[in-house]
N, C-alpha and C. Protein backbone atom coordinates (compact mmCIF):
# COMPACT_ATOMS: atom_id res chain seq x y z
N UNK A 1 106.83 96.25 126.39
CA UNK A 1 106.03 95.13 126.86
C UNK A 1 106.09 94.03 125.81
N UNK A 2 106.25 92.82 126.25
CA UNK A 2 106.30 91.67 125.36
C UNK A 2 104.89 91.11 125.16
N UNK A 3 104.69 90.45 124.04
CA UNK A 3 103.40 89.83 123.76
C UNK A 3 103.09 88.83 124.87
N UNK A 4 101.92 88.96 125.45
CA UNK A 4 101.51 88.04 126.49
C UNK A 4 101.97 88.44 127.88
N UNK A 5 102.87 89.41 128.00
CA UNK A 5 103.33 89.86 129.31
C UNK A 5 102.33 90.86 129.86
N UNK A 6 102.23 90.90 131.18
CA UNK A 6 101.31 91.84 131.79
C UNK A 6 101.99 93.18 131.99
N UNK A 7 101.20 94.23 131.84
CA UNK A 7 101.70 95.56 132.09
C UNK A 7 101.88 95.71 133.60
N UNK A 8 103.09 96.01 134.03
CA UNK A 8 103.38 96.04 135.44
C UNK A 8 103.10 97.40 136.05
N UNK A 9 103.52 98.46 135.39
CA UNK A 9 103.46 99.77 136.00
C UNK A 9 102.73 100.76 135.09
N UNK A 10 101.50 101.05 135.40
CA UNK A 10 100.76 102.05 134.63
C UNK A 10 101.01 103.42 135.24
N UNK A 11 101.33 104.36 134.39
CA UNK A 11 101.60 105.72 134.84
C UNK A 11 100.74 106.69 134.04
N UNK A 12 100.92 107.99 134.31
CA UNK A 12 100.18 108.99 133.55
C UNK A 12 100.59 108.99 132.09
N UNK A 13 101.78 108.42 131.77
CA UNK A 13 102.27 108.37 130.39
C UNK A 13 101.77 107.14 129.63
N UNK A 14 101.25 106.15 130.33
CA UNK A 14 100.76 104.94 129.67
C UNK A 14 99.67 105.32 128.68
N UNK A 15 99.76 104.79 127.47
CA UNK A 15 98.82 105.13 126.41
C UNK A 15 98.32 103.88 125.72
N UNK A 16 97.22 104.02 125.00
CA UNK A 16 96.69 102.94 124.18
C UNK A 16 96.66 103.43 122.75
N UNK A 17 97.30 102.69 121.87
CA UNK A 17 97.29 102.99 120.45
C UNK A 17 96.26 102.06 119.82
N UNK A 18 95.25 102.64 119.20
CA UNK A 18 94.18 101.85 118.59
C UNK A 18 94.46 101.73 117.09
N UNK A 19 94.50 100.48 116.61
CA UNK A 19 94.78 100.22 115.20
C UNK A 19 93.70 99.33 114.61
N UNK A 20 93.66 99.31 113.31
CA UNK A 20 92.72 98.46 112.58
C UNK A 20 93.51 97.59 111.61
N UNK A 21 93.76 96.33 111.96
CA UNK A 21 94.51 95.44 111.06
C UNK A 21 93.81 95.31 109.72
N UNK A 22 94.60 95.28 108.68
CA UNK A 22 94.07 95.16 107.31
C UNK A 22 93.06 96.25 106.98
N UNK A 23 93.13 97.36 107.70
CA UNK A 23 92.19 98.48 107.50
C UNK A 23 90.73 98.05 107.59
N UNK A 24 90.44 97.10 108.48
CA UNK A 24 89.07 96.63 108.68
C UNK A 24 88.40 97.54 109.71
N UNK A 25 87.44 98.32 109.27
CA UNK A 25 86.81 99.27 110.18
C UNK A 25 86.01 98.59 111.29
N UNK A 26 85.66 97.34 111.11
CA UNK A 26 84.90 96.64 112.14
C UNK A 26 85.79 95.90 113.13
N UNK A 27 87.10 95.98 112.95
CA UNK A 27 88.02 95.25 113.81
C UNK A 27 89.12 96.19 114.32
N UNK A 28 89.18 96.35 115.62
CA UNK A 28 90.18 97.23 116.22
C UNK A 28 90.97 96.48 117.28
N UNK A 29 92.21 96.89 117.45
CA UNK A 29 93.07 96.33 118.48
C UNK A 29 93.69 97.49 119.23
N UNK A 30 93.76 97.39 120.55
CA UNK A 30 94.42 98.40 121.36
C UNK A 30 95.76 97.89 121.83
N UNK A 31 96.79 98.66 121.58
CA UNK A 31 98.14 98.32 122.03
C UNK A 31 98.49 99.20 123.22
N UNK A 32 98.71 98.61 124.38
CA UNK A 32 99.09 99.37 125.56
C UNK A 32 100.59 99.58 125.51
N UNK A 33 101.01 100.84 125.57
CA UNK A 33 102.42 101.19 125.49
C UNK A 33 102.81 102.03 126.70
N UNK A 34 104.09 101.99 127.03
CA UNK A 34 104.57 102.76 128.18
C UNK A 34 104.33 104.25 128.00
N UNK A 35 104.58 104.74 126.79
CA UNK A 35 104.35 106.15 126.51
C UNK A 35 104.42 106.40 125.01
N UNK A 36 103.87 107.51 124.59
CA UNK A 36 103.95 107.94 123.20
C UNK A 36 104.65 109.30 123.21
N UNK A 37 105.75 109.39 122.46
CA UNK A 37 106.46 110.66 122.37
C UNK A 37 105.82 111.59 121.36
N UNK A 38 105.49 111.03 120.19
CA UNK A 38 104.88 111.84 119.15
C UNK A 38 104.34 110.92 118.06
N UNK A 39 103.49 111.48 117.24
CA UNK A 39 102.99 110.78 116.06
C UNK A 39 103.65 111.47 114.87
N UNK A 40 104.30 110.68 114.03
CA UNK A 40 105.05 111.28 112.93
C UNK A 40 104.54 110.76 111.59
N UNK A 41 104.36 111.66 110.64
CA UNK A 41 104.02 111.22 109.29
C UNK A 41 105.31 110.75 108.60
N UNK A 42 105.21 109.67 107.85
CA UNK A 42 106.38 109.21 107.11
C UNK A 42 106.01 109.02 105.65
N UNK A 43 106.99 109.18 104.82
CA UNK A 43 106.84 108.97 103.39
C UNK A 43 107.41 107.59 103.08
N UNK A 44 106.74 106.78 102.28
CA UNK A 44 107.27 105.46 101.96
C UNK A 44 108.72 105.47 101.46
N UNK A 45 109.14 106.59 100.87
CA UNK A 45 110.53 106.66 100.38
C UNK A 45 111.55 106.71 101.52
N UNK A 46 111.08 106.99 102.75
CA UNK A 46 111.96 107.02 103.91
C UNK A 46 112.27 105.62 104.45
N UNK A 47 111.47 104.64 104.06
CA UNK A 47 111.61 103.29 104.62
C UNK A 47 112.74 102.54 103.92
N UNK A 48 113.65 102.02 104.74
CA UNK A 48 114.76 101.22 104.23
C UNK A 48 114.63 99.81 104.80
N UNK A 49 115.35 98.84 104.25
CA UNK A 49 115.28 97.49 104.82
C UNK A 49 115.58 97.51 106.31
N UNK A 50 114.94 96.63 107.04
CA UNK A 50 115.07 96.60 108.50
C UNK A 50 116.51 96.35 108.92
N UNK A 51 116.92 97.04 109.98
CA UNK A 51 118.25 96.80 110.54
C UNK A 51 118.20 95.69 111.57
N UNK A 52 117.01 95.19 111.88
CA UNK A 52 116.84 94.10 112.85
C UNK A 52 117.17 92.77 112.18
N UNK A 53 117.98 91.98 112.84
CA UNK A 53 118.29 90.64 112.33
C UNK A 53 117.13 89.72 112.70
N UNK A 54 116.29 89.43 111.72
CA UNK A 54 115.10 88.63 111.99
C UNK A 54 115.42 87.19 112.35
N UNK A 55 116.65 86.78 112.20
CA UNK A 55 117.05 85.42 112.55
C UNK A 55 117.31 85.26 114.04
N UNK A 56 117.23 86.35 114.79
CA UNK A 56 117.50 86.29 116.22
C UNK A 56 116.29 85.82 117.02
N UNK A 57 115.17 85.54 116.34
CA UNK A 57 113.98 85.06 117.02
C UNK A 57 113.18 86.16 117.69
N UNK A 58 113.48 87.40 117.34
CA UNK A 58 112.71 88.50 117.90
C UNK A 58 111.39 88.56 117.12
N UNK A 59 110.89 89.70 116.86
CA UNK A 59 109.69 89.82 116.04
C UNK A 59 110.10 89.62 114.59
N UNK A 60 109.49 88.66 113.92
CA UNK A 60 109.88 88.38 112.54
C UNK A 60 108.98 89.10 111.54
N UNK A 61 108.39 90.18 111.98
CA UNK A 61 107.46 90.88 111.10
C UNK A 61 107.80 92.37 110.95
N UNK A 62 109.08 92.68 110.96
CA UNK A 62 109.47 94.07 110.72
C UNK A 62 109.36 94.39 109.24
N UNK A 63 108.78 95.53 108.93
CA UNK A 63 108.62 95.96 107.54
C UNK A 63 109.78 96.82 107.06
N UNK A 64 110.53 97.37 107.97
CA UNK A 64 111.64 98.22 107.58
C UNK A 64 112.04 99.14 108.70
N UNK A 65 112.90 100.07 108.37
CA UNK A 65 113.44 101.02 109.34
C UNK A 65 113.42 102.41 108.71
N UNK A 66 113.13 103.40 109.53
CA UNK A 66 113.33 104.77 109.08
C UNK A 66 114.30 105.44 110.05
N UNK A 67 115.00 106.42 109.54
CA UNK A 67 115.91 107.19 110.38
C UNK A 67 115.33 108.58 110.55
N UNK A 68 115.16 109.00 111.79
CA UNK A 68 114.56 110.29 112.08
C UNK A 68 115.35 110.95 113.19
N UNK A 69 115.89 112.10 112.91
CA UNK A 69 116.66 112.85 113.91
C UNK A 69 117.74 111.99 114.57
N UNK A 70 118.50 111.30 113.75
CA UNK A 70 119.62 110.46 114.21
C UNK A 70 119.16 109.24 115.02
N UNK A 71 117.89 108.90 114.98
CA UNK A 71 117.39 107.70 115.66
C UNK A 71 116.81 106.76 114.62
N UNK A 72 116.92 105.46 114.89
CA UNK A 72 116.31 104.46 114.02
C UNK A 72 114.97 104.07 114.61
N UNK A 73 113.96 104.03 113.76
CA UNK A 73 112.62 103.61 114.16
C UNK A 73 112.28 102.38 113.32
N UNK A 74 112.01 101.27 113.99
CA UNK A 74 111.69 100.02 113.30
C UNK A 74 110.18 99.93 113.12
N UNK A 75 109.77 99.60 111.91
CA UNK A 75 108.35 99.52 111.58
C UNK A 75 107.89 98.07 111.65
N UNK A 76 106.86 97.83 112.43
CA UNK A 76 106.33 96.48 112.60
C UNK A 76 105.12 96.30 111.70
N UNK A 77 105.05 95.17 111.02
CA UNK A 77 103.89 94.82 110.21
C UNK A 77 102.80 94.35 111.18
N UNK A 78 101.82 95.22 111.42
CA UNK A 78 100.78 94.93 112.40
C UNK A 78 99.96 93.70 112.01
N UNK A 79 99.68 93.52 110.73
CA UNK A 79 98.92 92.36 110.29
C UNK A 79 99.63 91.07 110.66
N UNK A 80 100.94 91.02 110.45
CA UNK A 80 101.72 89.83 110.81
C UNK A 80 101.75 89.63 112.32
N UNK A 81 101.84 90.73 113.07
CA UNK A 81 101.86 90.65 114.52
C UNK A 81 100.52 90.13 115.05
N UNK A 82 99.42 90.64 114.49
CA UNK A 82 98.10 90.17 114.90
C UNK A 82 97.96 88.67 114.60
N UNK A 83 98.43 88.24 113.44
CA UNK A 83 98.36 86.82 113.10
C UNK A 83 99.16 85.98 114.10
N UNK A 84 100.32 86.49 114.50
CA UNK A 84 101.14 85.77 115.48
C UNK A 84 100.41 85.65 116.81
N UNK A 85 99.73 86.71 117.22
CA UNK A 85 98.95 86.68 118.47
C UNK A 85 97.81 85.67 118.34
N UNK A 86 97.12 85.66 117.20
CA UNK A 86 96.03 84.72 116.99
C UNK A 86 96.54 83.28 117.02
N UNK A 87 97.73 83.05 116.48
CA UNK A 87 98.29 81.70 116.47
C UNK A 87 98.62 81.19 117.86
N UNK A 88 98.91 82.11 118.79
CA UNK A 88 99.24 81.73 120.17
C UNK A 88 98.01 81.31 120.94
N UNK A 89 96.86 81.89 120.59
CA UNK A 89 95.61 81.60 121.33
C UNK A 89 95.24 80.17 121.30
C-alpha cells in the first residue's frame, strides 16, 4: 500500500502493525499491511547499506538492508516516514 492510498481488499491476513515513533509511549501509529509473515529479531551487525537507489524517488528513508534466508529485507526509518506523512498534511 502506498502512502495516502486506500486499502482496497481487506482479508483475514490483513494486519495492523502498531509502532511508536521516536519511542514516544504517548504516540502510536498503526500501519495497515496486507499480511505479516513473521516477526524477526535482528542484530545491528546484520544491517548493511540499503540496496534501494534512493535517487529513484521512492521512499528516501531507508536505513539499510538485511539478508535473511536468501531474501533482502529493506529497513525503513519510521521517524522519517512519519515526518514525510506529516509534511503531506
